[in-house]
Amino acid sequence: ALRLAIEHPELVRSITLIEPVYFAAAKQDDPDAMAEY
């Protein structure tokens, strides 16, 4: 859903993201949390 919102925003009115497992974002922003995981 997140990817569609970014790549095709014209087709998306809203997004509800329930615990998206987009580890790449946390790896960049919170490496300590990802190291523990």
PDB file of all heavy atoms in Angstrom:
ATOM      1  N   ALA A   1       0.830  -1.208   0.000  1.00  0.00           N
ATOM      2  CA  ALA A   1       0.000   0.000   0.000  1.00  0.00           C
ATOM      3  C   ALA A   1       0.864   1.258   0.000  1.00  0.00           C
ATOM      4  O   ALA A   1       0.577   2.228  -0.720  1.00  0.00           O
ATOM      5  CB  ALA A   1      -0.928  -0.009   1.215  1.00  0.00           C
ATOM      6  N   LEU A   2       1.910   1.258   0.809  1.00  0.00           N
ATOM      7  CA  LEU A   2       2.821   2.402   0.845  1.00  0.00           C
ATOM      8  C   LEU A   2       3.454   2.629  -0.519  1.00  0.00           C
ATOM      9  O   LEU A   2       3.530   3.775  -1.004  1.00  0.00           O
ATOM     10  CB  LEU A   2       3.906   2.159   1.894  1.00  0.00           C
ATOM     11  CG  LEU A   2       5.040   3.186   1.955  1.00  0.00           C
ATOM     12  CD1 LEU A   2       4.512   4.543   2.390  1.00  0.00           C
ATOM     13  CD2 LEU A   2       6.142   2.705   2.905  1.00  0.00           C
ATOM     14  N   ARG A   3       3.897   1.566  -1.145  1.00  0.00           N
ATOM     15  CA  ARG A   3       4.537   1.697  -2.460  1.00  0.00           C
ATOM     16  C   ARG A   3       3.568   2.261  -3.491  1.00  0.00           C
ATOM     17  O   ARG A   3       3.940   3.128  -4.299  1.00  0.00           O
ATOM     18  CB  ARG A   3       5.073   0.331  -2.896  1.00  0.00           C
ATOM     19  CG  ARG A   3       5.821   0.358  -4.215  1.00  0.00           C
ATOM     20  CD  ARG A   3       6.461  -0.983  -4.492  1.00  0.00           C
ATOM     21  NE  ARG A   3       7.113  -0.990  -5.792  1.00  0.00           N
ATOM     22  CZ  ARG A   3       7.771  -2.036  -6.282  1.00  0.00           C
ATOM     23  NH1 ARG A   3       7.887  -3.147  -5.571  1.00  0.00           N
ATOM     24  NH2 ARG A   3       8.333  -1.978  -7.482  1.00  0.00           N
ATOM     25  N   LEU A   4       2.328   1.792  -3.472  1.00  0.00           N
ATOM     26  CA  LEU A   4       1.336   2.320  -4.405  1.00  0.00           C
ATOM     27  C   LEU A   4       1.088   3.803  -4.166  1.00  0.00           C
ATOM     28  O   LEU A   4       0.920   4.575  -5.121  1.00  0.00           O
ATOM     29  CB  LEU A   4       0.027   1.544  -4.276  1.00  0.00           C
ATOM     30  CG  LEU A   4       0.036   0.114  -4.822  1.00  0.00           C
ATOM     31  CD1 LEU A   4      -1.226  -0.613  -4.396  1.00  0.00           C
ATOM     32  CD2 LEU A   4       0.169   0.113  -6.344  1.00  0.00           C
ATOM     33  N   ALA A   5       1.058   4.201  -2.902  1.00  0.00           N
ATOM     34  CA  ALA A   5       0.821   5.612  -2.577  1.00  0.00           C
ATOM     35  C   ALA A   5       1.941   6.500  -3.099  1.00  0.00           C
ATOM     36  O   ALA A   5       1.699   7.648  -3.489  1.00  0.00           O
ATOM     37  CB  ALA A   5       0.677   5.777  -1.071  1.00  0.00           C
ATOM     38  N   ILE A   6       3.158   5.973  -3.118  1.00  0.00           N
ATOM     39  CA  ILE A   6       4.296   6.747  -3.599  1.00  0.00           C
ATOM     40  C   ILE A   6       4.400   6.694  -5.118  1.00  0.00           C
ATOM     41  O   ILE A   6       4.639   7.719  -5.769  1.00  0.00           O
ATOM     42  CB  ILE A   6       5.595   6.224  -2.945  1.00  0.00           C
ATOM     43  CG1 ILE A   6       5.594   6.545  -1.448  1.00  0.00           C
ATOM     44  CG2 ILE A   6       6.831   6.823  -3.622  1.00  0.00           C
ATOM     45  CD1 ILE A   6       6.742   5.923  -0.675  1.00  0.00           C
ATOM     46  N   GLU A   7       4.198   5.539  -5.696  1.00  0.00           N
ATOM     47  CA  GLU A   7       4.379   5.377  -7.139  1.00  0.00           C
ATOM     48  C   GLU A   7       3.154   5.767  -7.953  1.00  0.00           C
ATOM     49  O   GLU A   7       3.283   6.159  -9.126  1.00  0.00           O
ATOM     50  CB  GLU A   7       4.763   3.927  -7.448  1.00  0.00           C
ATOM     51  CG  GLU A   7       6.117   3.526  -6.882  1.00  0.00           C
ATOM     52  CD  GLU A   7       6.536   2.121  -7.240  1.00  0.00           C
ATOM     53  OE1 GLU A   7       5.663   1.317  -7.672  1.00  0.00           O
ATOM     54  OE2 GLU A   7       7.727   1.794  -7.091  1.00  0.00           O
ATOM     55  N   HIS A   8       1.959   5.681  -7.341  1.00  0.00           N
ATOM     56  CA  HIS A   8       0.714   5.998  -8.062  1.00  0.00           C
ATOM     57  C   HIS A   8      -0.219   6.831  -7.173  1.00  0.00           C
ATOM     58  O   HIS A   8      -1.368   6.439  -6.916  1.00  0.00           O
ATOM     59  CB  HIS A   8       0.011   4.713  -8.507  1.00  0.00           C
ATOM     60  CG  HIS A   8       0.826   3.851  -9.398  1.00  0.00           C
ATOM     61  ND1 HIS A   8       0.957   4.081 -10.752  1.00  0.00           N
ATOM     62  CD2 HIS A   8       1.598   2.766  -9.121  1.00  0.00           C
ATOM     63  CE1 HIS A   8       1.754   3.164 -11.278  1.00  0.00           C
ATOM     64  NE2 HIS A   8       2.163   2.366 -10.318  1.00  0.00           N
ATOM     65  N   PRO A   9       0.226   7.981  -6.709  1.00  0.00           N
ATOM     66  CA  PRO A   9      -0.586   8.767  -5.773  1.00  0.00           C
ATOM     67  C   PRO A   9      -1.929   9.205  -6.337  1.00  0.00           C
ATOM     68  O   PRO A   9      -2.880   9.428  -5.568  1.00  0.00           O
ATOM     69  CB  PRO A   9       0.311   9.965  -5.454  1.00  0.00           C
ATOM     70  CG  PRO A   9       1.258  10.071  -6.614  1.00  0.00           C
ATOM     71  CD  PRO A   9       1.498   8.653  -7.049  1.00  0.00           C
ATOM     72  N   GLU A  10      -2.024   9.320  -7.649  1.00  0.00           N
ATOM     73  CA  GLU A  10      -3.277   9.762  -8.259  1.00  0.00           C
ATOM     74  C   GLU A  10      -4.394   8.733  -8.086  1.00  0.00           C
ATOM     75  O   GLU A  10      -5.582   9.062  -8.266  1.00  0.00           O
ATOM     76  CB  GLU A  10      -3.056  10.053  -9.743  1.00  0.00           C
ATOM     77  CG  GLU A  10      -2.857   8.837 -10.641  1.00  0.00           C
ATOM     78  CD  GLU A  10      -1.470   8.217 -10.573  1.00  0.00           C
ATOM     79  OE1 GLU A  10      -0.611   8.739  -9.817  1.00  0.00           O
ATOM     80  OE2 GLU A  10      -1.241   7.214 -11.270  1.00  0.00           O
ATOM     81  N   LEU A  11      -4.041   7.498  -7.722  1.00  0.00           N
ATOM     82  CA  LEU A  11      -5.035   6.439  -7.562  1.00  0.00           C
ATOM     83  C   LEU A  11      -5.407   6.182  -6.104  1.00  0.00           C
ATOM     84  O   LEU A  11      -6.254   5.329  -5.824  1.00  0.00           O
ATOM     85  CB  LEU A  11      -4.499   5.129  -8.159  1.00  0.00           C
ATOM     86  CG  LEU A  11      -4.105   5.158  -9.632  1.00  0.00           C
ATOM     87  CD1 LEU A  11      -3.565   3.797 -10.057  1.00  0.00           C
ATOM     88  CD2 LEU A  11      -5.299   5.560 -10.499  1.00  0.00           C
ATOM     89  N   VAL A  12      -4.792   6.915  -5.196  1.00  0.00           N
ATOM     90  CA  VAL A  12      -4.933   6.609  -3.768  1.00  0.00           C
ATOM     91  C   VAL A  12      -5.506   7.815  -3.028  1.00  0.00           C
ATOM     92  O   VAL A  12      -4.921   8.897  -3.041  1.00  0.00           O
ATOM     93  CB  VAL A  12      -3.574   6.204  -3.167  1.00  0.00           C
ATOM     94  CG1 VAL A  12      -3.732   5.870  -1.683  1.00  0.00           C
ATOM     95  CG2 VAL A  12      -2.983   5.015  -3.924  1.00  0.00           C
ATOM     96  N   ARG A  13      -6.645   7.611  -2.357  1.00  0.00           N
ATOM     97  CA  ARG A  13      -7.278   8.683  -1.591  1.00  0.00           C
ATOM     98  C   ARG A  13      -6.684   8.772  -0.180  1.00  0.00           C
ATOM     99  O   ARG A  13      -6.502   9.862   0.358  1.00  0.00           O
ATOM    100  CB  ARG A  13      -8.783   8.430  -1.515  1.00  0.00           C
ATOM    101  CG  ARG A  13      -9.547   9.493  -0.747  1.00  0.00           C
ATOM    102  CD  ARG A  13     -11.044   9.369  -0.968  1.00  0.00           C
ATOM    103  NE  ARG A  13     -11.498   7.999  -0.842  1.00  0.00           N
ATOM    104  CZ  ARG A  13     -12.298   7.397  -1.730  1.00  0.00           C
ATOM    105  NH1 ARG A  13     -12.706   8.040  -2.810  1.00  0.00           N
ATOM    106  NH2 ARG A  13     -12.688   6.151  -1.540  1.00  0.00           N
ATOM    107  N   SER A  14      -6.398   7.639   0.414  1.00  0.00           N
ATOM    108  CA  SER A  14      -5.785   7.601   1.743  1.00  0.00           C
ATOM    109  C   SER A  14      -5.089   6.260   1.911  1.00  0.00           C
ATOM    110  O   SER A  14      -5.378   5.298   1.183  1.00  0.00           O
ATOM    111  CB  SER A  14      -6.839   7.784   2.845  1.00  0.00           C
ATOM    112  OG  SER A  14      -7.623   6.601   2.991  1.00  0.00           O
ATOM    113  N   ILE A  15      -4.186   6.193   2.884  1.00  0.00           N
ATOM    114  CA  ILE A  15      -3.545   4.914   3.200  1.00  0.00           C
ATOM    115  C   ILE A  15      -3.604   4.669   4.707  1.00  0.00           C
ATOM    116  O   ILE A  15      -3.335   5.566   5.498  1.00  0.00           O
ATOM    117  CB  ILE A  15      -2.075   4.845   2.725  1.00  0.00           C
ATOM    118  CG1 ILE A  15      -1.282   6.089   3.135  1.00  0.00           C
ATOM    119  CG2 ILE A  15      -1.990   4.599   1.242  1.00  0.00           C
ATOM    120  CD1 ILE A  15       0.211   5.989   2.862  1.00  0.00           C
ATOM    121  N   THR A  16      -3.982   3.457   5.061  1.00  0.00           N
ATOM    122  CA  THR A  16      -3.891   2.983   6.439  1.00  0.00           C
ATOM    123  C   THR A  16      -2.855   1.873   6.462  1.00  0.00           C
ATOM    124  O   THR A  16      -3.038   0.837   5.820  1.00  0.00           O
ATOM    125  CB  THR A  16      -5.242   2.460   6.952  1.00  0.00           C
ATOM    126  OG1 THR A  16      -6.189   3.539   6.994  1.00  0.00           O
ATOM    127  CG2 THR A  16      -5.102   1.858   8.340  1.00  0.00           C
ATOM    128  N   LEU A  17      -1.760   2.103   7.175  1.00  0.00           N
ATOM    129  CA  LEU A  17      -0.641   1.164   7.222  1.00  0.00           C
ATOM    130  C   LEU A  17      -0.575   0.566   8.620  1.00  0.00           C
ATOM    131  O   LEU A  17      -0.241   1.258   9.580  1.00  0.00           O
ATOM    132  CB  LEU A  17       0.669   1.882   6.885  1.00  0.00           C
ATOM    133  CG  LEU A  17       0.681   2.701   5.581  1.00  0.00           C
ATOM    134  CD1 LEU A  17       2.033   3.396   5.413  1.00  0.00           C
ATOM    135  CD2 LEU A  17       0.362   1.818   4.384  1.00  0.00           C
ATOM    136  N   ILE A  18      -0.882  -0.711   8.717  1.00  0.00           N
ATOM    137  CA  ILE A  18      -0.868  -1.414  10.001  1.00  0.00           C
ATOM    138  C   ILE A  18       0.458  -2.183  10.103  1.00  0.00           C
ATOM    139  O   ILE A  18       0.651  -3.191   9.442  1.00  0.00           O
ATOM    140  CB  ILE A  18      -2.064  -2.368  10.122  1.00  0.00           C
ATOM    141  CG1 ILE A  18      -3.387  -1.616   9.857  1.00  0.00           C
ATOM    142  CG2 ILE A  18      -2.084  -3.031  11.498  1.00  0.00           C
ATOM    143  CD1 ILE A  18      -4.590  -2.530   9.717  1.00  0.00           C
ATOM    144  N   GLU A  19       1.372  -1.637  10.875  1.00  0.00           N
ATOM    145  CA  GLU A  19       2.693  -2.229  11.091  1.00  0.00           C
ATOM    146  C   GLU A  19       3.367  -2.695   9.793  1.00  0.00           C
ATOM    147  O   GLU A  19       3.678  -3.875   9.623  1.00  0.00           O
ATOM    148  CB  GLU A  19       2.607  -3.367  12.106  1.00  0.00           C
ATOM    149  CG  GLU A  19       2.193  -2.883  13.476  1.00  0.00           C
ATOM    150  CD  GLU A  19       2.654  -3.770  14.621  1.00  0.00           C
ATOM    151  OE1 GLU A  19       3.417  -4.723  14.401  1.00  0.00           O
ATOM    152  OE2 GLU A  19       2.234  -3.488  15.756  1.00  0.00           O
ATOM    153  N   PRO A  20       3.608  -1.779   8.868  1.00  0.00           N
ATOM    154  CA  PRO A  20       4.335  -2.153   7.642  1.00  0.00           C
ATOM    155  C   PRO A  20       5.748  -2.615   7.992  1.00  0.00           C
ATOM    156  O   PRO A  20       6.457  -1.943   8.737  1.00  0.00           O
ATOM    157  CB  PRO A  20       4.358  -0.848   6.838  1.00  0.00           C
ATOM    158  CG  PRO A  20       4.196   0.234   7.862  1.00  0.00           C
ATOM    159  CD  PRO A  20       3.315  -0.345   8.932  1.00  0.00           C
ATOM    160  N   VAL A  21       6.160  -3.743   7.454  1.00  0.00           N
ATOM    161  CA  VAL A  21       7.485  -4.301   7.774  1.00  0.00           C
ATOM    162  C   VAL A  21       8.538  -3.786   6.778  1.00  0.00           C
ATOM    163  O   VAL A  21       9.291  -4.556   6.173  1.00  0.00           O
ATOM    164  CB  VAL A  21       7.450  -5.840   7.824  1.00  0.00           C
ATOM    165  CG1 VAL A  21       6.774  -6.311   9.100  1.00  0.00           C
ATOM    166  CG2 VAL A  21       6.748  -6.421   6.595  1.00  0.00           C
ATOM    167  N   TYR A  22       8.597  -2.477   6.688  1.00  0.00           N
ATOM    168  CA  TYR A  22       9.540  -1.816   5.767  1.00  0.00           C
ATOM    169  C   TYR A  22      10.835  -1.567   6.535  1.00  0.00           C
ATOM    170  O   TYR A  22      11.162  -0.446   6.914  1.00  0.00           O
ATOM    171  CB  TYR A  22       8.902  -0.524   5.273  1.00  0.00           C
ATOM    172  CG  TYR A  22       9.620   0.171   4.143  1.00  0.00           C
ATOM    173  CD1 TYR A  22      10.379  -0.526   3.210  1.00  0.00           C
ATOM    174  CD2 TYR A  22       9.517   1.553   4.003  1.00  0.00           C
ATOM    175  CE1 TYR A  22      11.023   0.124   2.175  1.00  0.00           C
ATOM    176  CE2 TYR A  22      10.149   2.216   2.969  1.00  0.00           C
ATOM    177  CZ  TYR A  22      10.892   1.489   2.065  1.00  0.00           C
ATOM    178  OH  TYR A  22      11.527   2.150   1.038  1.00  0.00           O
ATOM    179  N   PHE A  23      11.583  -2.646   6.751  1.00  0.00           N
ATOM    180  CA  PHE A  23      12.787  -2.594   7.572  1.00  0.00           C
ATOM    181  C   PHE A  23      13.820  -1.612   7.024  1.00  0.00           C
ATOM    182  O   PHE A  23      14.610  -1.041   7.791  1.00  0.00           O
ATOM    183  CB  PHE A  23      13.412  -3.986   7.664  1.00  0.00           C
ATOM    184  CG  PHE A  23      12.512  -5.020   8.269  1.00  0.00           C
ATOM    185  CD1 PHE A  23      11.957  -6.030   7.486  1.00  0.00           C
ATOM    186  CD2 PHE A  23      12.203  -4.979   9.611  1.00  0.00           C
ATOM    187  CE1 PHE A  23      11.125  -6.986   8.038  1.00  0.00           C
ATOM    188  CE2 PHE A  23      11.366  -5.932  10.187  1.00  0.00           C
ATOM    189  CZ  PHE A  23      10.821  -6.938   9.395  1.00  0.00           C
ATOM    190  N   ALA A  24      13.822  -1.408   5.726  1.00  0.00           N
ATOM    191  CA  ALA A  24      14.815  -0.517   5.110  1.00  0.00           C
ATOM    192  C   ALA A  24      14.737   0.892   5.689  1.00  0.00           C
ATOM    193  O   ALA A  24      15.767   1.552   5.875  1.00  0.00           O
ATOM    194  CB  ALA A  24      14.628  -0.481   3.597  1.00  0.00           C
ATOM    195  N   ALA A  25      13.531   1.361   5.991  1.00  0.00           N
ATOM    196  CA  ALA A  25      13.381   2.713   6.546  1.00  0.00           C
ATOM    197  C   ALA A  25      13.968   2.788   7.947  1.00  0.00           C
ATOM    198  O   ALA A  25      14.695   3.725   8.288  1.00  0.00           O
ATOM    199  CB  ALA A  25      11.910   3.109   6.556  1.00  0.00           C
ATOM    200  N   ALA A  26      13.654   1.802   8.790  1.00  0.00           N
ATOM    201  CA  ALA A  26      14.192   1.799  10.149  1.00  0.00           C
ATOM    202  C   ALA A  26      15.696   1.583  10.150  1.00  0.00           C
ATOM    203  O   ALA A  26      16.408   2.123  11.002  1.00  0.00           O
ATOM    204  CB  ALA A  26      13.503   0.725  10.978  1.00  0.00           C
ATOM    205  N   LYS A  27      16.183   0.797   9.205  1.00  0.00           N
ATOM    206  CA  LYS A  27      17.627   0.573   9.105  1.00  0.00           C
ATOM    207  C   LYS A  27      18.356   1.893   8.882  1.00  0.00           C
ATOM    208  O   LYS A  27      19.438   2.137   9.423  1.00  0.00           O
ATOM    209  CB  LYS A  27      17.929  -0.392   7.954  1.00  0.00           C
ATOM    210  CG  LYS A  27      19.394  -0.763   7.826  1.00  0.00           C
ATOM    211  CD  LYS A  27      19.648  -1.570   6.564  1.00  0.00           C
ATOM    212  CE  LYS A  27      18.885  -2.863   6.537  1.00  0.00           C
ATOM    213  NZ  LYS A  27      19.237  -3.682   5.344  1.00  0.00           N
ATOM    214  N   GLN A  28      17.740   2.775   8.114  1.00  0.00           N
ATOM    215  CA  GLN A  28      18.346   4.065   7.823  1.00  0.00           C
ATOM    216  C   GLN A  28      18.186   5.046   8.978  1.00  0.00           C
ATOM    217  O   GLN A  28      19.103   5.814   9.287  1.00  0.00           O
ATOM    218  CB  GLN A  28      17.723   4.641   6.548  1.00  0.00           C
ATOM    219  CG  GLN A  28      18.436   5.846   5.991  1.00  0.00           C
ATOM    220  CD  GLN A  28      17.885   6.235   4.622  1.00  0.00           C
ATOM    221  OE1 GLN A  28      17.204   7.246   4.484  1.00  0.00           O
ATOM    222  NE2 GLN A  28      18.178   5.433   3.617  1.00  0.00           N
ATOM    223  N   ASP A  29      17.027   5.012   9.657  1.00  0.00           N
ATOM    224  CA  ASP A  29      16.709   6.012  10.673  1.00  0.00           C
ATOM    225  C   ASP A  29      17.015   5.566  12.102  1.00  0.00           C
ATOM    226  O   ASP A  29      17.245   6.405  12.975  1.00  0.00           O
ATOM    227  CB  ASP A  29      15.229   6.403  10.591  1.00  0.00           C
ATOM    228  CG  ASP A  29      14.898   7.145   9.309  1.00  0.00           C
ATOM    229  OD1 ASP A  29      15.840   7.557   8.615  1.00  0.00           O
ATOM    230  OD2 ASP A  29      13.704   7.307   9.016  1.00  0.00           O
ATOM    231  N   ASP A  30      16.974   4.260  12.363  1.00  0.00           N
ATOM    232  CA  ASP A  30      17.172   3.757  13.721  1.00  0.00           C
ATOM    233  C   ASP A  30      17.987   2.467  13.653  1.00  0.00           C
ATOM    234  O   ASP A  30      17.475   1.375  13.936  1.00  0.00           O
ATOM    235  CB  ASP A  30      15.822   3.513  14.396  1.00  0.00           C
ATOM    236  CG  ASP A  30      15.945   3.291  15.895  1.00  0.00           C
ATOM    237  OD1 ASP A  30      17.067   3.056  16.376  1.00  0.00           O
ATOM    238  OD2 ASP A  30      14.896   3.328  16.580  1.00  0.00           O
ATOM    239  N   PRO A  31      19.261   2.568  13.302  1.00  0.00           N
ATOM    240  CA  PRO A  31      20.078   1.356  13.128  1.00  0.00           C
ATOM    241  C   PRO A  31      20.220   0.528  14.395  1.00  0.00           C
ATOM    242  O   PRO A  31      20.366  -0.697  14.311  1.00  0.00           O
ATOM    243  CB  PRO A  31      21.429   1.901  12.653  1.00  0.00           C
ATOM    244  CG  PRO A  31      21.428   3.348  13.030  1.00  0.00           C
ATOM    245  CD  PRO A  31      20.010   3.789  12.988  1.00  0.00           C
ATOM    246  N   ASP A  32      20.155   1.155  15.561  1.00  0.00           N
ATOM    247  CA  ASP A  32      20.272   0.396  16.810  1.00  0.00           C
ATOM    248  C   ASP A  32      19.090  -0.557  16.977  1.00  0.00           C
ATOM    249  O   ASP A  32      19.264  -1.720  17.379  1.00  0.00           O
ATOM    250  CB  ASP A  32      20.351   1.337  18.007  1.00  0.00           C
ATOM    251  CG  ASP A  32      21.666   2.084  18.077  1.00  0.00           C
ATOM    252  OD1 ASP A  32      22.634   1.639  17.425  1.00  0.00           O
ATOM    253  OD2 ASP A  32      21.734   3.123  18.761  1.00  0.00           O
ATOM    254  N   ALA A  33      17.889  -0.074  16.680  1.00  0.00           N
ATOM    255  CA  ALA A  33      16.704  -0.927  16.789  1.00  0.00           C
ATOM    256  C   ALA A  33      16.790  -2.088  15.809  1.00  0.00           C
ATOM    257  O   ALA A  33      16.423  -3.226  16.134  1.00  0.00           O
ATOM    258  CB  ALA A  33      15.437  -0.114  16.534  1.00  0.00           C
ATOM    259  N   MET A  34      17.288  -1.831  14.623  1.00  0.00           N
ATOM    260  CA  MET A  34      17.385  -2.888  13.625  1.00  0.00           C
ATOM    261  C   MET A  34      18.501  -3.872  13.971  1.00  0.00           C
ATOM    262  O   MET A  34      18.388  -5.069  13.689  1.00  0.00           O
ATOM    263  CB  MET A  34      17.599  -2.293  12.233  1.00  0.00           C
ATOM    264  CG  MET A  34      16.344  -1.678  11.641  1.00  0.00           C
ATOM    265  SD  MET A  34      14.909  -2.801  11.688  1.00  0.00           S
ATOM    266  CE  MET A  34      15.536  -4.199  10.776  1.00  0.00           C
ATOM    267  N   ALA A  35      19.575  -3.399  14.570  1.00  0.00           N
ATOM    268  CA  ALA A  35      20.644  -4.306  14.996  1.00  0.00           C
ATOM    269  C   ALA A  35      20.115  -5.282  16.044  1.00  0.00           C
ATOM    270  O   ALA A  35      20.420  -6.488  16.013  1.00  0.00           O
ATOM    271  CB  ALA A  35      21.828  -3.513  15.540  1.00  0.00           C
ATOM    272  N   GLU A  36      19.309  -4.777  16.971  1.00  0.00           N
ATOM    273  CA  GLU A  36      18.701  -5.640  17.984  1.00  0.00           C
ATOM    274  C   GLU A  36      17.765  -6.654  17.337  1.00  0.00           C
ATOM    275  O   GLU A  36      17.759  -7.844  17.696  1.00  0.00           O
ATOM    276  CB  GLU A  36      17.940  -4.790  19.000  1.00  0.00           C
ATOM    277  CG  GLU A  36      17.284  -5.595  20.105  1.00  0.00           C
ATOM    278  CD  GLU A  36      16.558  -4.708  21.104  1.00  0.00           C
ATOM    279  OE1 GLU A  36      16.819  -3.490  21.130  1.00  0.00           O
ATOM    280  OE2 GLU A  36      15.711  -5.257  21.858  1.00  0.00           O
ATOM    281  N   TYR A  37      16.976  -6.200  16.377  1.00  0.00           N
ATOM    282  CA  TYR A  37      16.066  -7.116  15.688  1.00  0.00           C
ATOM    283  C   TYR A  37      16.846  -8.182  14.926  1.00  0.00           C
ATOM    284  O   TYR A  37      16.471  -9.373  14.947  1.00  0.00           O
ATOM    285  CB  TYR A  37      15.161  -6.345  14.724  1.00  0.00           C
ATOM    286  CG  TYR A  37      14.352  -7.265  13.836  1.00  0.00           C
ATOM    287  CD1 TYR A  37      13.298  -8.007  14.355  1.00  0.00           C
ATOM    288  CD2 TYR A  37      14.672  -7.412  12.494  1.00  0.00           C
ATOM    289  CE1 TYR A  37      12.572  -8.878  13.557  1.00  0.00           C
ATOM    290  CE2 TYR A  37      13.948  -8.274  11.684  1.00  0.00           C
ATOM    291  CZ  TYR A  37      12.900  -8.998  12.218  1.00  0.00           C
ATOM    292  OH  TYR A  37      12.189  -9.867  11.432  1.00  0.00           O
TER     293      TYR A  37
END
